[in-house]
């Protein structure tokens, strides 16, 4: 029950940010005149996580197939080389936090579709062998629900 509250609160925050247009000036400041979208993922998995639900594997594949038809998907390292001209928008795909399901689930789909992606890891977590704070929080909140 408690995790549902946090999920509702999280979704409310992002919906308010989207509906009020708060996120639009931030996006345009980052991508001036380049007709570029940067799509960031964290997890692609069929696992259940009440707080930070991952994108289901088949949904990810379907999304990537549709985006590949709409966007010119580029390697994030090529952003500075983009021309200032009209045409289909560019897109770069990134993954944050270095979850293992990137290798297990997302990478095979990306390779199959020929889509480049940037994987950003948390070096300190790798060095220490500890999970991201979101996983720690989920475990803690789930343990509170069972108490």
N, C-alpha and C. Protein backbone atom coordinates (compact mmCIF):
# COMPACT_ATOMS: atom_id res chain seq x y z
N UNK A 1 0.82 -1.19 0.00
CA UNK A 1 0.00 0.00 0.00
C UNK A 1 0.87 1.26 0.00
N UNK A 2 1.90 1.24 0.85
CA UNK A 2 2.77 2.40 0.95
C UNK A 2 3.48 2.67 -0.38
N UNK A 3 3.96 1.62 -1.05
CA UNK A 3 4.68 1.84 -2.31
C UNK A 3 3.74 2.38 -3.38
N UNK A 4 2.45 2.02 -3.33
CA UNK A 4 1.49 2.59 -4.28
C UNK A 4 1.37 4.09 -4.09
N UNK A 5 1.41 4.53 -2.84
CA UNK A 5 1.37 5.96 -2.55
C UNK A 5 2.55 6.67 -3.18
N UNK A 6 3.75 6.10 -3.02
CA UNK A 6 4.94 6.73 -3.59
C UNK A 6 4.90 6.73 -5.12
N UNK A 7 4.39 5.66 -5.70
CA UNK A 7 4.28 5.59 -7.15
C UNK A 7 3.29 6.65 -7.65
N UNK A 8 2.18 6.79 -6.97
CA UNK A 8 1.19 7.81 -7.34
C UNK A 8 1.80 9.20 -7.21
N UNK A 9 2.52 9.45 -6.12
CA UNK A 9 3.17 10.74 -5.90
C UNK A 9 4.20 11.03 -6.99
N UNK A 10 4.99 10.04 -7.33
CA UNK A 10 6.01 10.20 -8.37
C UNK A 10 5.35 10.51 -9.71
N UNK A 11 4.33 9.75 -10.07
CA UNK A 11 3.64 9.99 -11.34
C UNK A 11 2.97 11.35 -11.36
N UNK A 12 2.42 11.77 -10.24
CA UNK A 12 1.80 13.09 -10.14
C UNK A 12 2.83 14.18 -10.41
N UNK A 13 4.01 14.06 -9.82
CA UNK A 13 5.08 15.04 -10.01
C UNK A 13 5.43 15.17 -11.49
N UNK A 14 5.66 14.04 -12.15
CA UNK A 14 6.06 14.09 -13.56
C UNK A 14 4.93 14.58 -14.45
N UNK A 15 3.70 14.21 -14.13
CA UNK A 15 2.57 14.70 -14.91
C UNK A 15 2.39 16.20 -14.77
N UNK A 16 2.56 16.71 -13.55
CA UNK A 16 2.47 18.16 -13.33
C UNK A 16 3.57 18.88 -14.11
N UNK A 17 4.78 18.35 -14.04
CA UNK A 17 5.91 18.97 -14.77
C UNK A 17 5.62 18.99 -16.27
N UNK A 18 5.06 17.92 -16.78
CA UNK A 18 4.76 17.85 -18.21
C UNK A 18 3.60 18.78 -18.57
N UNK A 19 2.51 18.70 -17.82
CA UNK A 19 1.30 19.47 -18.13
C UNK A 19 1.52 20.98 -18.01
N UNK A 20 2.34 21.39 -17.05
CA UNK A 20 2.58 22.82 -16.87
C UNK A 20 3.63 23.36 -17.82
N UNK A 21 4.32 22.46 -18.51
CA UNK A 21 5.33 22.89 -19.47
C UNK A 21 6.67 23.21 -18.84
N UNK A 22 6.85 22.87 -17.56
CA UNK A 22 8.11 23.16 -16.88
C UNK A 22 9.28 22.48 -17.59
N UNK A 23 9.05 21.28 -18.09
CA UNK A 23 10.15 20.53 -18.71
C UNK A 23 10.52 21.06 -20.09
N UNK A 24 9.61 21.74 -20.78
CA UNK A 24 9.87 22.19 -22.15
C UNK A 24 11.04 23.18 -22.25
N UNK A 25 11.10 24.24 -21.41
CA UNK A 25 12.25 25.15 -21.52
C UNK A 25 13.57 24.45 -21.22
N UNK A 26 13.53 23.47 -20.31
CA UNK A 26 14.76 22.75 -20.00
C UNK A 26 15.23 21.95 -21.21
N UNK A 27 14.30 21.29 -21.88
CA UNK A 27 14.67 20.51 -23.07
C UNK A 27 15.21 21.42 -24.16
N UNK A 28 14.56 22.56 -24.38
CA UNK A 28 15.00 23.43 -25.47
C UNK A 28 16.35 24.07 -25.17
N UNK A 29 16.64 24.33 -23.90
CA UNK A 29 17.95 24.88 -23.55
C UNK A 29 19.05 23.88 -23.86
N UNK A 30 18.76 22.60 -23.66
CA UNK A 30 19.78 21.57 -23.86
C UNK A 30 20.03 21.26 -25.33
N UNK A 31 19.04 21.47 -26.17
CA UNK A 31 19.12 20.99 -27.54
C UNK A 31 18.84 22.11 -28.53
N UNK A 32 19.47 23.23 -28.40
CA UNK A 32 19.20 24.40 -29.22
C UNK A 32 19.33 24.11 -30.71
N UNK A 33 18.22 24.26 -31.41
CA UNK A 33 18.16 24.20 -32.88
C UNK A 33 18.73 22.94 -33.50
N UNK A 34 18.81 21.88 -32.79
CA UNK A 34 19.38 20.67 -33.36
C UNK A 34 18.33 19.63 -33.71
N UNK A 35 17.04 19.90 -33.41
CA UNK A 35 15.98 18.96 -33.74
C UNK A 35 16.34 17.58 -33.19
N UNK A 36 16.66 17.55 -31.89
CA UNK A 36 17.21 16.36 -31.25
C UNK A 36 16.40 15.99 -30.02
N UNK A 37 16.18 14.70 -29.86
CA UNK A 37 15.55 14.15 -28.67
C UNK A 37 16.55 13.19 -28.04
N UNK A 38 16.73 13.29 -26.73
CA UNK A 38 17.56 12.33 -26.02
C UNK A 38 16.63 11.53 -25.13
N UNK A 39 16.57 10.25 -25.38
CA UNK A 39 15.67 9.36 -24.66
C UNK A 39 16.50 8.57 -23.65
N UNK A 40 16.14 8.69 -22.38
CA UNK A 40 16.90 8.05 -21.31
C UNK A 40 16.07 6.96 -20.64
N UNK A 41 16.68 5.81 -20.50
CA UNK A 41 16.06 4.67 -19.82
C UNK A 41 16.89 4.32 -18.59
N UNK A 42 16.27 3.58 -17.69
CA UNK A 42 17.00 3.02 -16.57
C UNK A 42 17.00 1.49 -16.66
N UNK A 43 15.81 0.93 -16.76
CA UNK A 43 15.72 -0.53 -16.76
C UNK A 43 14.76 -1.01 -17.83
N UNK A 44 15.10 -2.16 -18.41
CA UNK A 44 14.23 -2.88 -19.34
C UNK A 44 14.15 -4.30 -18.81
N UNK A 45 13.00 -4.64 -18.26
CA UNK A 45 12.87 -5.93 -17.60
C UNK A 45 11.40 -6.25 -17.38
N UNK A 46 11.10 -7.52 -17.27
CA UNK A 46 9.75 -7.93 -16.91
C UNK A 46 9.60 -8.10 -15.40
N UNK A 47 10.65 -7.75 -14.65
CA UNK A 47 10.58 -7.79 -13.19
C UNK A 47 9.58 -6.75 -12.69
N UNK A 48 9.06 -6.98 -11.50
CA UNK A 48 8.11 -6.04 -10.91
C UNK A 48 8.83 -5.22 -9.85
N UNK A 49 8.72 -3.91 -9.96
CA UNK A 49 9.25 -2.98 -8.98
C UNK A 49 8.19 -1.91 -8.79
N UNK A 50 7.59 -1.88 -7.61
CA UNK A 50 6.48 -0.96 -7.36
C UNK A 50 6.89 0.51 -7.44
N UNK A 51 8.09 0.83 -6.99
CA UNK A 51 8.53 2.23 -6.94
C UNK A 51 9.04 2.74 -8.29
N UNK A 52 9.87 1.96 -8.93
CA UNK A 52 10.48 2.36 -10.20
C UNK A 52 10.27 1.24 -11.21
N UNK A 53 9.06 1.14 -11.75
CA UNK A 53 8.77 0.03 -12.65
C UNK A 53 9.64 0.10 -13.91
N UNK A 54 10.29 -1.01 -14.25
CA UNK A 54 11.06 -1.03 -15.49
C UNK A 54 10.12 -1.12 -16.69
N UNK A 55 10.65 -0.78 -17.85
CA UNK A 55 9.87 -0.94 -19.07
C UNK A 55 9.88 -2.42 -19.44
N UNK A 56 8.70 -3.01 -19.68
CA UNK A 56 8.67 -4.41 -20.09
C UNK A 56 9.43 -4.62 -21.40
N UNK A 57 10.02 -5.79 -21.53
CA UNK A 57 10.90 -6.08 -22.66
C UNK A 57 10.19 -5.90 -24.00
N UNK A 58 9.01 -6.48 -24.15
CA UNK A 58 8.30 -6.38 -25.44
C UNK A 58 7.89 -4.94 -25.73
N UNK A 59 7.53 -4.18 -24.70
CA UNK A 59 7.18 -2.77 -24.89
C UNK A 59 8.39 -1.99 -25.39
N UNK A 60 9.57 -2.31 -24.83
CA UNK A 60 10.80 -1.65 -25.26
C UNK A 60 11.07 -1.95 -26.74
N UNK A 61 10.95 -3.21 -27.12
CA UNK A 61 11.18 -3.58 -28.53
C UNK A 61 10.21 -2.82 -29.44
N UNK A 62 8.94 -2.82 -29.09
CA UNK A 62 7.94 -2.12 -29.91
C UNK A 62 8.24 -0.64 -30.02
N UNK A 63 8.61 -0.03 -28.90
CA UNK A 63 8.94 1.40 -28.90
C UNK A 63 10.13 1.68 -29.79
N UNK A 64 11.18 0.89 -29.66
CA UNK A 64 12.38 1.10 -30.48
C UNK A 64 12.08 0.92 -31.96
N UNK A 65 11.26 -0.06 -32.30
CA UNK A 65 10.89 -0.27 -33.71
C UNK A 65 10.15 0.95 -34.26
N UNK A 66 9.24 1.50 -33.49
CA UNK A 66 8.48 2.68 -33.93
C UNK A 66 9.38 3.91 -34.03
N UNK A 67 10.23 4.10 -33.04
CA UNK A 67 11.12 5.27 -33.04
C UNK A 67 12.12 5.22 -34.20
N UNK A 68 12.58 4.01 -34.53
CA UNK A 68 13.54 3.86 -35.64
C UNK A 68 12.92 4.28 -36.97
N UNK A 69 11.60 4.23 -37.07
CA UNK A 69 10.92 4.65 -38.30
C UNK A 69 10.67 6.16 -38.33
N UNK A 70 10.72 6.80 -37.18
CA UNK A 70 10.38 8.22 -37.06
C UNK A 70 11.60 9.12 -36.93
N UNK A 71 12.64 8.62 -36.27
CA UNK A 71 13.82 9.43 -35.95
C UNK A 71 15.05 8.91 -36.68
N UNK A 72 16.02 9.81 -36.82
CA UNK A 72 17.36 9.41 -37.25
C UNK A 72 18.13 9.16 -35.96
N UNK A 73 18.27 7.90 -35.59
CA UNK A 73 18.89 7.56 -34.31
C UNK A 73 20.40 7.57 -34.47
N UNK A 74 21.04 8.34 -33.61
CA UNK A 74 22.49 8.56 -33.72
C UNK A 74 23.19 8.15 -32.43
N UNK A 75 24.48 7.98 -32.54
CA UNK A 75 25.33 7.78 -31.37
C UNK A 75 25.43 9.11 -30.63
N UNK A 76 25.35 9.08 -29.33
CA UNK A 76 25.38 10.33 -28.56
C UNK A 76 26.67 11.11 -28.78
N UNK A 77 27.74 10.42 -29.15
CA UNK A 77 29.02 11.10 -29.41
C UNK A 77 28.97 11.96 -30.66
N UNK A 78 27.96 11.78 -31.50
CA UNK A 78 27.84 12.54 -32.75
C UNK A 78 26.98 13.79 -32.62
N UNK A 79 26.53 14.12 -31.42
CA UNK A 79 25.62 15.26 -31.24
C UNK A 79 26.24 16.57 -31.73
N UNK A 80 27.51 16.78 -31.46
CA UNK A 80 28.14 18.04 -31.87
C UNK A 80 28.25 18.18 -33.38
N UNK A 81 28.13 17.08 -34.10
CA UNK A 81 28.27 17.10 -35.56
C UNK A 81 26.94 17.29 -36.28
N UNK A 82 25.84 17.40 -35.55
CA UNK A 82 24.52 17.48 -36.19
C UNK A 82 24.35 18.77 -36.96
N UNK A 83 23.77 18.67 -38.14
CA UNK A 83 23.51 19.88 -38.92
C UNK A 83 22.29 20.63 -38.38
N UNK A 84 22.26 21.94 -38.59
CA UNK A 84 21.10 22.76 -38.24
C UNK A 84 20.18 22.82 -39.45
N UNK A 85 19.53 21.73 -39.74
CA UNK A 85 18.65 21.72 -40.91
C UNK A 85 17.39 20.93 -40.59
N UNK A 86 16.34 21.23 -41.34
CA UNK A 86 15.10 20.49 -41.12
C UNK A 86 15.23 19.05 -41.60
N UNK A 87 14.26 18.29 -41.26
CA UNK A 87 14.23 16.88 -41.63
C UNK A 87 13.74 16.09 -40.44
N UNK A 88 13.73 14.78 -40.58
CA UNK A 88 13.31 13.99 -39.44
C UNK A 88 14.19 14.30 -38.23
N UNK A 89 13.62 14.35 -37.05
CA UNK A 89 14.42 14.68 -35.87
C UNK A 89 15.44 13.58 -35.57
N UNK A 90 16.50 14.00 -34.93
CA UNK A 90 17.52 13.07 -34.47
C UNK A 90 17.13 12.55 -33.09
N UNK A 91 17.64 11.39 -32.74
CA UNK A 91 17.43 10.86 -31.40
C UNK A 91 18.68 10.12 -30.96
N UNK A 92 19.02 10.30 -29.68
CA UNK A 92 20.07 9.52 -29.04
C UNK A 92 19.42 8.75 -27.90
N UNK A 93 19.85 7.52 -27.71
CA UNK A 93 19.30 6.65 -26.67
C UNK A 93 20.36 6.43 -25.61
N UNK A 94 19.99 6.66 -24.35
CA UNK A 94 20.92 6.45 -23.25
C UNK A 94 20.27 5.60 -22.16
N UNK A 95 21.11 4.95 -21.39
CA UNK A 95 20.68 4.17 -20.23
C UNK A 95 21.51 4.62 -19.04
N UNK A 96 20.84 4.89 -17.93
CA UNK A 96 21.54 5.33 -16.72
C UNK A 96 21.64 4.21 -15.70
N UNK A 97 22.68 4.29 -14.90
CA UNK A 97 22.91 3.48 -13.70
C UNK A 97 23.50 2.10 -13.94
N UNK A 98 23.61 1.64 -15.18
CA UNK A 98 24.32 0.40 -15.47
C UNK A 98 23.67 -0.86 -14.92
N UNK A 99 22.36 -0.94 -14.95
CA UNK A 99 21.68 -2.16 -14.50
C UNK A 99 22.05 -3.32 -15.42
N UNK A 100 22.13 -4.52 -14.85
CA UNK A 100 22.51 -5.70 -15.64
C UNK A 100 21.46 -6.03 -16.69
N UNK A 101 20.21 -5.60 -16.49
CA UNK A 101 19.21 -5.93 -17.50
C UNK A 101 19.43 -5.16 -18.81
N UNK A 102 20.32 -4.17 -18.80
CA UNK A 102 20.70 -3.55 -20.07
C UNK A 102 21.34 -4.60 -20.97
N UNK A 103 22.32 -5.33 -20.41
CA UNK A 103 23.02 -6.37 -21.17
C UNK A 103 22.09 -7.53 -21.49
N UNK A 104 21.28 -7.92 -20.51
CA UNK A 104 20.42 -9.10 -20.66
C UNK A 104 19.25 -8.85 -21.61
N UNK A 105 18.65 -7.66 -21.54
CA UNK A 105 17.38 -7.44 -22.25
C UNK A 105 17.44 -6.35 -23.33
N UNK A 106 18.01 -5.21 -23.00
CA UNK A 106 17.99 -4.07 -23.93
C UNK A 106 19.01 -4.22 -25.06
N UNK A 107 20.25 -4.58 -24.72
CA UNK A 107 21.32 -4.64 -25.73
C UNK A 107 20.98 -5.58 -26.89
N UNK A 108 20.45 -6.77 -26.65
CA UNK A 108 20.12 -7.63 -27.79
C UNK A 108 19.10 -7.00 -28.74
N UNK A 109 18.13 -6.29 -28.19
CA UNK A 109 17.12 -5.62 -29.02
C UNK A 109 17.76 -4.49 -29.82
N UNK A 110 18.58 -3.68 -29.14
CA UNK A 110 19.25 -2.57 -29.81
C UNK A 110 20.16 -3.07 -30.93
N UNK A 111 20.91 -4.13 -30.65
CA UNK A 111 21.79 -4.71 -31.68
C UNK A 111 20.98 -5.24 -32.86
N UNK A 112 19.90 -5.91 -32.56
CA UNK A 112 19.04 -6.47 -33.61
C UNK A 112 18.48 -5.37 -34.52
N UNK A 113 18.16 -4.22 -33.93
CA UNK A 113 17.57 -3.11 -34.70
C UNK A 113 18.62 -2.12 -35.22
N UNK A 114 19.90 -2.34 -34.86
CA UNK A 114 20.96 -1.44 -35.31
C UNK A 114 20.90 -0.07 -34.66
N UNK A 115 20.45 -0.01 -33.42
CA UNK A 115 20.30 1.26 -32.71
C UNK A 115 21.45 1.44 -31.72
N UNK A 116 22.24 2.52 -31.88
CA UNK A 116 23.31 2.78 -30.91
C UNK A 116 22.73 3.29 -29.60
N UNK A 117 23.43 3.01 -28.51
CA UNK A 117 23.00 3.50 -27.20
C UNK A 117 24.21 3.76 -26.34
N UNK A 118 24.05 4.66 -25.41
CA UNK A 118 25.10 5.00 -24.45
C UNK A 118 24.70 4.44 -23.10
N UNK A 119 25.57 3.66 -22.48
CA UNK A 119 25.32 3.12 -21.15
C UNK A 119 26.16 3.90 -20.15
N UNK A 120 25.49 4.59 -19.24
CA UNK A 120 26.16 5.35 -18.19
C UNK A 120 26.12 4.54 -16.90
N UNK A 121 27.29 4.28 -16.35
CA UNK A 121 27.34 3.50 -15.11
C UNK A 121 27.71 4.41 -13.94
N UNK A 122 27.54 3.88 -12.76
CA UNK A 122 27.95 4.57 -11.53
C UNK A 122 29.23 3.90 -11.04
N UNK A 123 30.40 4.45 -11.38
CA UNK A 123 31.66 3.78 -11.06
C UNK A 123 31.83 3.42 -9.59
N UNK A 124 31.39 4.29 -8.70
CA UNK A 124 31.55 4.01 -7.27
C UNK A 124 30.74 2.78 -6.86
N UNK A 125 29.56 2.63 -7.43
CA UNK A 125 28.74 1.44 -7.13
C UNK A 125 29.42 0.18 -7.64
N UNK A 126 30.04 0.27 -8.81
CA UNK A 126 30.76 -0.88 -9.36
C UNK A 126 31.94 -1.22 -8.46
N UNK A 127 32.70 -0.19 -8.05
CA UNK A 127 33.86 -0.42 -7.18
C UNK A 127 33.46 -1.04 -5.85
N UNK A 128 32.36 -0.57 -5.29
CA UNK A 128 31.92 -1.06 -3.98
C UNK A 128 31.05 -2.31 -4.06
N UNK A 129 30.52 -2.59 -5.24
CA UNK A 129 29.63 -3.74 -5.38
C UNK A 129 28.29 -3.54 -4.69
N UNK A 130 27.84 -2.28 -4.62
CA UNK A 130 26.57 -1.98 -3.95
C UNK A 130 25.51 -1.62 -4.99
N UNK A 131 24.24 -1.84 -4.65
CA UNK A 131 23.17 -1.49 -5.58
C UNK A 131 22.88 0.01 -5.56
N UNK A 132 22.21 0.51 -6.59
CA UNK A 132 21.81 1.93 -6.61
C UNK A 132 20.85 2.22 -5.46
N UNK A 133 20.79 3.47 -5.06
CA UNK A 133 19.96 3.87 -3.92
C UNK A 133 18.49 3.55 -4.16
N UNK A 134 18.06 3.54 -5.41
CA UNK A 134 16.65 3.25 -5.69
C UNK A 134 16.31 1.81 -5.31
N UNK A 135 17.25 0.90 -5.54
CA UNK A 135 17.02 -0.49 -5.15
C UNK A 135 17.03 -0.64 -3.64
N UNK A 136 17.93 0.06 -2.98
CA UNK A 136 17.98 0.01 -1.51
C UNK A 136 16.67 0.53 -0.93
N UNK A 137 16.18 1.65 -1.46
CA UNK A 137 14.93 2.22 -0.98
C UNK A 137 13.76 1.28 -1.24
N UNK A 138 13.71 0.66 -2.39
CA UNK A 138 12.63 -0.29 -2.70
C UNK A 138 12.62 -1.46 -1.72
N UNK A 139 13.79 -2.01 -1.44
CA UNK A 139 13.88 -3.12 -0.49
C UNK A 139 13.39 -2.67 0.88
N UNK A 140 13.82 -1.48 1.31
CA UNK A 140 13.41 -0.95 2.61
C UNK A 140 11.90 -0.76 2.67
N UNK A 141 11.32 -0.12 1.66
CA UNK A 141 9.88 0.13 1.66
C UNK A 141 9.08 -1.16 1.57
N UNK A 142 9.56 -2.11 0.79
CA UNK A 142 8.87 -3.39 0.71
C UNK A 142 8.91 -4.14 2.03
N UNK A 143 10.02 -4.01 2.76
CA UNK A 143 10.11 -4.67 4.07
C UNK A 143 9.16 -4.01 5.07
N UNK A 144 8.92 -2.70 4.94
CA UNK A 144 7.97 -2.01 5.82
C UNK A 144 6.55 -2.49 5.57
N UNK A 145 6.23 -2.81 4.33
CA UNK A 145 4.88 -3.28 4.00
C UNK A 145 4.59 -4.64 4.59
N UNK A 146 5.62 -5.48 4.70
CA UNK A 146 5.41 -6.83 5.21
C UNK A 146 5.44 -6.89 6.72
N UNK A 147 5.91 -5.82 7.36
CA UNK A 147 5.96 -5.80 8.84
C UNK A 147 4.59 -5.59 9.44
